[in-house]
Structure formats: C-alpha cells, structure tokens
Amino acid sequence: MVLLTELIEKSYLNILKNIDTFEYSESSDPLIKQEKITNTEMKSLLYDNKHY
C-alpha cells in the first residue's frame, strides 16, 4: 500500500512539474483560471495528506 501511495505521489508531482509554466502564465480564459485554482487545491490536498 505504501508503494502505491508513493507511486501516486511521484506521478502527481511529475504532472505538477510539467504544468508549472502553465501555472504562471496569464490568461483571461475562465477555464484556464479554474484549472489553476483546481491545481492549487490539489497541491494543498497532497501536502496535507503527506504531512498528516
């Protein structure tokens, strides 16, 4: 179970790293703004879960 959790966490962190430039780009598109908000929330959840 621990290995699966670590794999999921590493995969998720790799995805976040790949979209890092996207996070800091500017856009007025509402869908992109919502995706950025969702990404931030997911980062928080991952951090909270890791340090629980």
PDB file of N, CA and C in Angstrom:
ATOM      1  N   MET A   1       0.826  -1.194   0.000  1.00  0.00           N
ATOM      2  CA  MET A   1       0.000   0.000   0.000  1.00  0.00           C
ATOM      3  C   MET A   1       0.867   1.253   0.000  1.00  0.00           C
ATOM      4  N   VAL A   2       1.944   1.224   0.762  1.00  0.00           N
ATOM      5  CA  VAL A   2       2.841   2.379   0.823  1.00  0.00           C
ATOM      6  C   VAL A   2       3.467   2.632  -0.546  1.00  0.00           C
ATOM      7  N   LEU A   3       3.854   1.565  -1.233  1.00  0.00           N
ATOM      8  CA  LEU A   3       4.451   1.731  -2.559  1.00  0.00           C
ATOM      9  C   LEU A   3       3.477   2.377  -3.532  1.00  0.00           C
ATOM     10  N   LEU A   4       2.238   1.976  -3.470  1.00  0.00           N
ATOM     11  CA  LEU A   4       1.227   2.566  -4.340  1.00  0.00           C
ATOM     12  C   LEU A   4       1.052   4.047  -4.031  1.00  0.00           C
ATOM     13  N   THR A   5       1.003   4.380  -2.769  1.00  0.00           N
ATOM     14  CA  THR A   5       0.872   5.782  -2.363  1.00  0.00           C
ATOM     15  C   THR A   5       2.059   6.596  -2.856  1.00  0.00           C
ATOM     16  N   GLU A   6       3.259   6.055  -2.718  1.00  0.00           N
ATOM     17  CA  GLU A   6       4.455   6.758  -3.184  1.00  0.00           C
ATOM     18  C   GLU A   6       4.438   6.923  -4.700  1.00  0.00           C
ATOM     19  N   LEU A   7       4.014   5.901  -5.415  1.00  0.00           N
ATOM     20  CA  LEU A   7       3.935   5.975  -6.871  1.00  0.00           C
ATOM     21  C   LEU A   7       2.945   7.050  -7.309  1.00  0.00           C
ATOM     22  N   ILE A   8       1.799   7.068  -6.673  1.00  0.00           N
ATOM     23  CA  ILE A   8       0.786   8.078  -6.996  1.00  0.00           C
ATOM     24  C   ILE A   8       1.331   9.472  -6.701  1.00  0.00           C
ATOM     25  N   GLU A   9       1.974   9.627  -5.579  1.00  0.00           N
ATOM     26  CA  GLU A   9       2.522  10.933  -5.208  1.00  0.00           C
ATOM     27  C   GLU A   9       3.592  11.382  -6.204  1.00  0.00           C
ATOM     28  N   LYS A  10       4.502  10.492  -6.571  1.00  0.00           N
ATOM     29  CA  LYS A  10       5.552  10.844  -7.528  1.00  0.00           C
ATOM     30  C   LYS A  10       4.958  11.191  -8.888  1.00  0.00           C
ATOM     31  N   SER A  11       3.973  10.433  -9.315  1.00  0.00           N
ATOM     32  CA  SER A  11       3.325  10.713 -10.597  1.00  0.00           C
ATOM     33  C   SER A  11       2.646  12.070 -10.573  1.00  0.00           C
ATOM     34  N   TYR A  12       1.962  12.340  -9.493  1.00  0.00           N
ATOM     35  CA  TYR A  12       1.271  13.616  -9.363  1.00  0.00           C
ATOM     36  C   TYR A  12       2.269  14.774  -9.357  1.00  0.00           C
ATOM     37  N   LEU A  13       3.365  14.625  -8.634  1.00  0.00           N
ATOM     38  CA  LEU A  13       4.373  15.682  -8.584  1.00  0.00           C
ATOM     39  C   LEU A  13       5.014  15.905  -9.949  1.00  0.00           C
ATOM     40  N   ASN A  14       5.199  14.845 -10.713  1.00  0.00           N
ATOM     41  CA  ASN A  14       5.729  14.993 -12.068  1.00  0.00           C
ATOM     42  C   ASN A  14       4.763  15.762 -12.955  1.00  0.00           C
ATOM     43  N   ILE A  15       3.494  15.479 -12.810  1.00  0.00           N
ATOM     44  CA  ILE A  15       2.486  16.217 -13.579  1.00  0.00           C
ATOM     45  C   ILE A  15       2.528  17.696 -13.203  1.00  0.00           C
ATOM     46  N   LEU A  16       2.598  17.975 -11.920  1.00  0.00           N
ATOM     47  CA  LEU A  16       2.655  19.375 -11.479  1.00  0.00           C
ATOM     48  C   LEU A  16       3.902  20.078 -12.009  1.00  0.00           C
ATOM     49  N   LYS A  17       5.003  19.373 -12.040  1.00  0.00           N
ATOM     50  CA  LYS A  17       6.233  19.961 -12.556  1.00  0.00           C
ATOM     51  C   LYS A  17       6.072  20.306 -14.039  1.00  0.00           C
ATOM     52  N   ASN A  18       5.407  19.430 -14.778  1.00  0.00           N
ATOM     53  CA  ASN A  18       5.212  19.662 -16.204  1.00  0.00           C
ATOM     54  C   ASN A  18       4.301  20.842 -16.499  1.00  0.00           C
ATOM     55  N   ILE A  19       3.395  21.144 -15.605  1.00  0.00           N
ATOM     56  CA  ILE A  19       2.477  22.259 -15.851  1.00  0.00           C
ATOM     57  C   ILE A  19       2.881  23.513 -15.082  1.00  0.00           C
ATOM     58  N   ASP A  20       4.054  23.510 -14.504  1.00  0.00           N
ATOM     59  CA  ASP A  20       4.495  24.648 -13.707  1.00  0.00           C
ATOM     60  C   ASP A  20       4.504  25.941 -14.521  1.00  0.00           C
ATOM     61  N   THR A  21       4.982  25.898 -15.735  1.00  0.00           N
ATOM     62  CA  THR A  21       4.991  27.109 -16.562  1.00  0.00           C
ATOM     63  C   THR A  21       3.575  27.559 -16.875  1.00  0.00           C
ATOM     64  N   PHE A  22       2.692  26.618 -17.033  1.00  0.00           N
ATOM     65  CA  PHE A  22       1.283  26.944 -17.247  1.00  0.00           C
ATOM     66  C   PHE A  22       0.724  27.708 -16.055  1.00  0.00           C
ATOM     67  N   GLU A  23       1.090  27.306 -14.864  1.00  0.00           N
ATOM     68  CA  GLU A  23       0.588  27.938 -13.646  1.00  0.00           C
ATOM     69  C   GLU A  23       0.908  29.424 -13.603  1.00  0.00           C
ATOM     70  N   TYR A  24       2.059  29.795 -14.110  1.00  0.00           N
ATOM     71  CA  TYR A  24       2.496  31.187 -14.008  1.00  0.00           C
ATOM     72  C   TYR A  24       2.178  32.004 -15.255  1.00  0.00           C
ATOM     73  N   SER A  25       1.527  31.400 -16.216  1.00  0.00           N
ATOM     74  CA  SER A  25       1.135  32.152 -17.405  1.00  0.00           C
ATOM     75  C   SER A  25      -0.137  32.943 -17.116  1.00  0.00           C
ATOM     76  N   GLU A  26      -0.326  33.993 -17.866  1.00  0.00           N
ATOM     77  CA  GLU A  26      -1.516  34.828 -17.707  1.00  0.00           C
ATOM     78  C   GLU A  26      -2.526  34.472 -18.791  1.00  0.00           C
ATOM     79  N   SER A  27      -3.774  34.420 -18.397  1.00  0.00           N
ATOM     80  CA  SER A  27      -4.836  34.150 -19.356  1.00  0.00           C
ATOM     81  C   SER A  27      -6.152  34.656 -18.792  1.00  0.00           C
ATOM     82  N   SER A  28      -7.004  35.113 -19.687  1.00  0.00           N
ATOM     83  CA  SER A  28      -8.325  35.575 -19.252  1.00  0.00           C
ATOM     84  C   SER A  28      -9.391  34.503 -19.474  1.00  0.00           C
ATOM     85  N   ASP A  29      -8.977  33.364 -20.004  1.00  0.00           N
ATOM     86  CA  ASP A  29      -9.917  32.271 -20.257  1.00  0.00           C
ATOM     87  C   ASP A  29     -10.404  31.699 -18.921  1.00  0.00           C
ATOM     88  N   PRO A  30     -11.728  31.704 -18.688  1.00  0.00           N
ATOM     89  CA  PRO A  30     -12.263  31.205 -17.409  1.00  0.00           C
ATOM     90  C   PRO A  30     -11.912  29.746 -17.122  1.00  0.00           C
ATOM     91  N   LEU A  31     -11.832  28.916 -18.153  1.00  0.00           N
ATOM     92  CA  LEU A  31     -11.497  27.506 -17.932  1.00  0.00           C
ATOM     93  C   LEU A  31     -10.060  27.352 -17.439  1.00  0.00           C
ATOM     94  N   ILE A  32      -9.171  28.140 -17.981  1.00  0.00           N
ATOM     95  CA  ILE A  32      -7.776  28.081 -17.543  1.00  0.00           C
ATOM     96  C   ILE A  32      -7.662  28.591 -16.111  1.00  0.00           C
ATOM     97  N   LYS A  33      -8.369  29.653 -15.798  1.00  0.00           N
ATOM     98  CA  LYS A  33      -8.361  30.163 -14.423  1.00  0.00           C
ATOM     99  C   LYS A  33      -8.880  29.104 -13.454  1.00  0.00           C
ATOM    100  N   GLN A  34      -9.943  28.411 -13.837  1.00  0.00           N
ATOM    101  CA  GLN A  34     -10.495  27.371 -12.968  1.00  0.00           C
ATOM    102  C   GLN A  34      -9.517  26.212 -12.812  1.00  0.00           C
ATOM    103  N   GLU A  35      -8.834  25.862 -13.886  1.00  0.00           N
ATOM    104  CA  GLU A  35      -7.860  24.775 -13.806  1.00  0.00           C
ATOM    105  C   GLU A  35      -6.718  25.152 -12.861  1.00  0.00           C
ATOM    106  N   LYS A  36      -6.287  26.392 -12.900  1.00  0.00           N
ATOM    107  CA  LYS A  36      -5.228  26.841 -11.995  1.00  0.00           C
ATOM    108  C   LYS A  36      -5.689  26.746 -10.541  1.00  0.00           C
ATOM    109  N   ILE A  37      -6.926  27.130 -10.281  1.00  0.00           N
ATOM    110  CA  ILE A  37      -7.476  27.035  -8.927  1.00  0.00           C
ATOM    111  C   ILE A  37      -7.518  25.574  -8.479  1.00  0.00           C
ATOM    112  N   THR A  38      -7.973  24.706  -9.370  1.00  0.00           N
ATOM    113  CA  THR A  38      -8.051  23.280  -9.059  1.00  0.00           C
ATOM    114  C   THR A  38      -6.662  22.710  -8.784  1.00  0.00           C
ATOM    115  N   ASN A  39      -5.683  23.093  -9.583  1.00  0.00           N
ATOM    116  CA  ASN A  39      -4.318  22.611  -9.367  1.00  0.00           C
ATOM    117  C   ASN A  39      -3.791  23.038  -8.005  1.00  0.00           C
ATOM    118  N   THR A  40      -4.067  24.260  -7.624  1.00  0.00           N
ATOM    119  CA  THR A  40      -3.633  24.760  -6.321  1.00  0.00           C
ATOM    120  C   THR A  40      -4.289  23.967  -5.195  1.00  0.00           C
ATOM    121  N   GLU A  41      -5.572  23.680  -5.348  1.00  0.00           N
ATOM    122  CA  GLU A  41      -6.277  22.893  -4.337  1.00  0.00           C
ATOM    123  C   GLU A  41      -5.708  21.481  -4.249  1.00  0.00           C
ATOM    124  N   MET A  42      -5.378  20.897  -5.390  1.00  0.00           N
ATOM    125  CA  MET A  42      -4.818  19.545  -5.389  1.00  0.00           C
ATOM    126  C   MET A  42      -3.445  19.530  -4.720  1.00  0.00           C
ATOM    127  N   LYS A  43      -2.647  20.564  -4.956  1.00  0.00           N
ATOM    128  CA  LYS A  43      -1.347  20.653  -4.286  1.00  0.00           C
ATOM    129  C   LYS A  43      -1.536  20.698  -2.770  1.00  0.00           C
ATOM    130  N   SER A  44      -2.496  21.466  -2.326  1.00  0.00           N
ATOM    131  CA  SER A  44      -2.767  21.569  -0.891  1.00  0.00           C
ATOM    132  C   SER A  44      -3.195  20.230  -0.316  1.00  0.00           C
ATOM    133  N   LEU A  45      -4.063  19.543  -1.025  1.00  0.00           N
ATOM    134  CA  LEU A  45      -4.523  18.238  -0.549  1.00  0.00           C
ATOM    135  C   LEU A  45      -3.376  17.242  -0.475  1.00  0.00           C
ATOM    136  N   LEU A  46      -2.524  17.256  -1.473  1.00  0.00           N
ATOM    137  CA  LEU A  46      -1.383  16.348  -1.473  1.00  0.00           C
ATOM    138  C   LEU A  46      -0.456  16.669  -0.305  1.00  0.00           C
ATOM    139  N   TYR A  47      -0.189  17.936  -0.093  1.00  0.00           N
ATOM    140  CA  TYR A  47       0.679  18.346   1.013  1.00  0.00           C
ATOM    141  C   TYR A  47       0.063  17.944   2.352  1.00  0.00           C
ATOM    142  N   ASP A  48      -1.233  18.208   2.520  1.00  0.00           N
ATOM    143  CA  ASP A  48      -1.913  17.860   3.771  1.00  0.00           C
ATOM    144  C   ASP A  48      -1.877  16.362   4.022  1.00  0.00           C
ATOM    145  N   ASN A  49      -2.106  15.582   2.979  1.00  0.00           N
ATOM    146  CA  ASN A  49      -2.113  14.126   3.108  1.00  0.00           C
ATOM    147  C   ASN A  49      -0.715  13.613   3.462  1.00  0.00           C
ATOM    148  N   LYS A  50       0.298  14.211   2.884  1.00  0.00           N
ATOM    149  CA  LYS A  50       1.670  13.768   3.116  1.00  0.00           C
ATOM    150  C   LYS A  50       2.123  14.081   4.542  1.00  0.00           C
ATOM    151  N   HIS A  51       1.622  15.158   5.107  1.00  0.00           N
ATOM    152  CA  HIS A  51       2.073  15.599   6.430  1.00  0.00           C
ATOM    153  C   HIS A  51       1.027  15.359   7.510  1.00  0.00           C
ATOM    154  N   TYR A  52       0.138  14.447   7.264  1.00  0.00           N
ATOM    155  CA  TYR A  52      -0.926  14.168   8.226  1.00  0.00           C
ATOM    156  C   TYR A  52      -0.441  13.291   9.337  1.00  0.00           C
TER     157      TYR A  52
END
